N, C-alpha and C. Protein backbone atom coordinates (compact mmCIF):
# COMPACT_ATOMS: atom_id res chain seq x y z
N MET A 1 55.10 138.12 91.96
CA MET A 1 56.24 138.28 92.86
C MET A 1 56.76 136.90 93.35
N GLN A 2 55.76 136.18 93.96
CA GLN A 2 56.07 134.95 94.64
C GLN A 2 56.69 133.95 93.55
N GLU A 3 56.25 133.96 92.44
CA GLU A 3 56.72 132.98 91.44
C GLU A 3 58.24 133.27 91.12
N SER A 4 58.57 134.66 90.94
CA SER A 4 59.95 134.89 90.66
C SER A 4 60.85 134.51 91.89
N ILE A 5 60.42 134.65 93.06
CA ILE A 5 61.17 134.23 94.24
C ILE A 5 61.37 132.76 94.27
N ILE A 6 60.34 132.01 93.85
CA ILE A 6 60.46 130.52 93.80
C ILE A 6 61.51 130.14 92.67
N LYS A 7 61.41 130.85 91.54
CA LYS A 7 62.44 130.55 90.41
C LYS A 7 63.86 131.00 91.00
N ILE A 8 64.02 132.00 91.65
CA ILE A 8 65.36 132.33 92.12
C ILE A 8 65.80 131.18 93.17
N GLU A 9 64.94 130.92 94.12
CA GLU A 9 65.26 129.86 95.07
C GLU A 9 65.67 128.66 94.46
N THR A 10 64.95 128.20 93.40
CA THR A 10 65.16 126.93 92.64
C THR A 10 66.58 126.98 91.96
N LYS A 11 66.88 128.11 91.39
CA LYS A 11 68.16 128.19 90.74
C LYS A 11 69.30 128.25 91.71
N LEU A 12 69.02 128.91 92.83
CA LEU A 12 70.02 128.88 93.99
C LEU A 12 70.24 127.51 94.56
N ALA A 13 69.26 126.76 94.58
CA ALA A 13 69.44 125.31 95.02
C ALA A 13 70.32 124.58 94.09
N TYR A 14 70.03 124.74 92.76
CA TYR A 14 70.75 124.00 91.76
C TYR A 14 72.23 124.45 91.86
N LEU A 15 72.43 125.66 92.02
CA LEU A 15 73.83 126.30 91.98
C LEU A 15 74.61 125.85 93.23
N GLU A 16 73.89 125.75 94.42
CA GLU A 16 74.57 125.24 95.63
C GLU A 16 74.90 123.72 95.41
N GLU A 17 74.05 122.97 94.82
CA GLU A 17 74.39 121.50 94.58
C GLU A 17 75.54 121.43 93.52
N MET A 18 75.62 122.33 92.58
CA MET A 18 76.66 122.25 91.65
C MET A 18 78.01 122.72 92.30
N VAL A 19 77.98 123.64 93.17
CA VAL A 19 79.21 123.96 93.88
C VAL A 19 79.77 122.84 94.81
N LEU A 20 78.77 122.19 95.47
CA LEU A 20 79.28 121.12 96.32
C LEU A 20 79.82 119.90 95.38
N THR A 21 79.15 119.66 94.22
CA THR A 21 79.77 118.62 93.34
C THR A 21 80.99 119.04 92.88
N LEU A 22 81.15 120.28 92.45
CA LEU A 22 82.51 120.69 91.88
C LEU A 22 83.65 120.68 93.06
N ASN A 23 83.18 121.04 94.19
CA ASN A 23 84.16 121.09 95.28
C ASN A 23 84.60 119.59 95.53
N GLU A 24 83.69 118.67 95.48
CA GLU A 24 84.14 117.20 95.75
C GLU A 24 85.05 116.73 94.62
N LEU A 25 84.81 117.17 93.42
CA LEU A 25 85.58 116.89 92.31
C LEU A 25 87.02 117.56 92.47
N VAL A 26 87.18 118.72 92.86
CA VAL A 26 88.43 119.42 93.11
C VAL A 26 89.18 118.70 94.13
N VAL A 27 88.56 118.41 95.27
CA VAL A 27 89.25 117.70 96.38
C VAL A 27 89.81 116.48 95.80
N SER A 28 88.92 115.55 95.09
CA SER A 28 89.30 114.33 94.59
C SER A 28 90.54 114.40 93.78
N GLN A 29 90.44 115.44 92.83
CA GLN A 29 91.61 115.73 91.78
C GLN A 29 92.87 116.03 92.58
N GLY A 30 92.71 116.83 93.67
CA GLY A 30 93.83 117.30 94.44
C GLY A 30 94.46 116.05 95.12
N ARG A 31 93.73 115.05 95.60
CA ARG A 31 94.26 113.89 96.20
C ARG A 31 95.05 113.08 95.13
N GLU A 32 94.33 112.94 93.97
CA GLU A 32 94.96 112.15 92.82
C GLU A 32 96.27 112.89 92.40
N ILE A 33 96.31 114.16 92.28
CA ILE A 33 97.53 114.87 91.85
C ILE A 33 98.63 114.57 92.88
N GLU A 34 98.27 114.60 94.12
CA GLU A 34 99.39 114.33 95.33
C GLU A 34 99.81 112.93 95.05
N LEU A 35 99.02 112.00 94.80
CA LEU A 35 99.41 110.52 94.65
C LEU A 35 100.27 110.51 93.45
N LEU A 36 99.99 111.04 92.33
CA LEU A 36 100.78 110.95 91.08
C LEU A 36 102.07 111.70 91.33
N LYS A 37 102.15 112.72 92.06
CA LYS A 37 103.45 113.36 92.40
C LYS A 37 104.33 112.43 93.22
N GLY A 38 103.70 111.71 94.14
CA GLY A 38 104.58 110.65 94.76
C GLY A 38 105.00 109.68 93.86
N HIS A 39 104.22 109.10 92.96
CA HIS A 39 104.64 108.08 92.10
C HIS A 39 105.73 108.64 91.13
N ARG A 40 105.61 109.93 90.74
CA ARG A 40 106.61 110.55 89.72
C ARG A 40 107.91 110.66 90.47
N GLU A 41 107.96 111.03 91.81
CA GLU A 41 109.27 111.15 92.54
C GLU A 41 109.81 109.74 92.65
N ILE A 42 109.17 108.78 92.92
CA ILE A 42 109.62 107.40 93.03
C ILE A 42 110.20 107.00 91.63
N MET A 43 109.50 107.26 90.68
CA MET A 43 110.03 106.87 89.25
C MET A 43 111.25 107.51 88.83
N GLU A 44 111.34 108.91 89.30
CA GLU A 44 112.45 109.67 88.95
C GLU A 44 113.76 109.20 89.70
N ALA A 45 113.54 108.65 90.98
CA ALA A 45 114.67 108.13 91.78
C ALA A 45 115.10 106.77 91.13
N LYS A 46 114.17 106.01 90.55
CA LYS A 46 114.50 104.75 90.09
C LYS A 46 115.22 105.10 88.69
N VAL A 47 114.86 105.98 87.94
CA VAL A 47 115.47 106.25 86.75
C VAL A 47 117.00 106.86 86.94
N ALA A 48 117.04 107.63 87.94
CA ALA A 48 118.38 108.06 88.37
C ALA A 48 119.21 106.98 88.72
N GLN A 49 118.69 105.97 89.49
CA GLN A 49 119.64 104.75 89.91
C GLN A 49 119.98 104.00 88.70
N LEU A 50 119.05 103.83 87.73
CA LEU A 50 119.34 103.18 86.52
C LEU A 50 120.38 103.81 85.74
N ALA A 51 120.34 105.19 85.62
CA ALA A 51 121.27 105.96 84.89
C ALA A 51 122.60 105.76 85.47
N GLU A 52 122.74 105.87 86.81
CA GLU A 52 123.98 105.71 87.49
C GLU A 52 124.56 104.22 87.24
N ALA A 53 123.76 103.23 87.29
CA ALA A 53 124.12 101.91 87.12
C ALA A 53 124.67 101.70 85.68
N THR A 54 123.92 102.28 84.69
CA THR A 54 124.26 102.19 83.23
C THR A 54 125.65 102.85 83.07
N PHE A 55 125.82 103.94 83.71
CA PHE A 55 127.11 104.64 83.50
C PHE A 55 128.26 103.89 84.00
N GLU A 56 128.05 103.26 85.16
CA GLU A 56 129.13 102.50 85.76
C GLU A 56 129.38 101.28 84.96
N ILE A 57 128.35 100.67 84.36
CA ILE A 57 128.66 99.42 83.46
C ILE A 57 129.29 99.94 82.32
N GLY A 58 128.97 101.04 81.72
CA GLY A 58 129.64 101.54 80.46
C GLY A 58 131.13 101.81 80.63
N GLN A 59 131.60 102.06 81.83
CA GLN A 59 132.89 102.45 82.12
C GLN A 59 133.92 101.19 82.33
N GLU A 60 133.18 100.02 82.55
CA GLU A 60 134.04 98.77 82.66
C GLU A 60 134.44 98.25 81.42
N ARG A 61 135.67 97.58 81.43
CA ARG A 61 136.11 96.93 80.22
C ARG A 61 135.36 95.59 80.14
N PRO A 62 134.97 95.26 78.84
CA PRO A 62 134.39 93.98 78.74
C PRO A 62 135.37 92.83 79.10
N PRO A 63 134.81 91.73 79.53
CA PRO A 63 135.56 90.53 80.05
C PRO A 63 136.47 89.91 78.94
N HIS A 64 136.21 90.11 77.70
CA HIS A 64 136.92 89.43 76.62
C HIS A 64 138.14 90.31 76.32
N TYR A 65 138.46 91.34 76.84
CA TYR A 65 139.68 92.15 76.66
C TYR A 65 140.79 91.74 77.40
């Protein structure tokens, strides 16, 4: 009986450690996702600005006309 309790406690200790490790990983990935979302928003704004600038340039007559 004592041996089975020790096995269960050992498995529980490993599981607790794994849960803590996975939690740290999830938190880290959450931070990284938020950072990447911010970068994506900045890049989308820049692309929109470039698209507007390209459209404006495309509407002008070339200087040689």
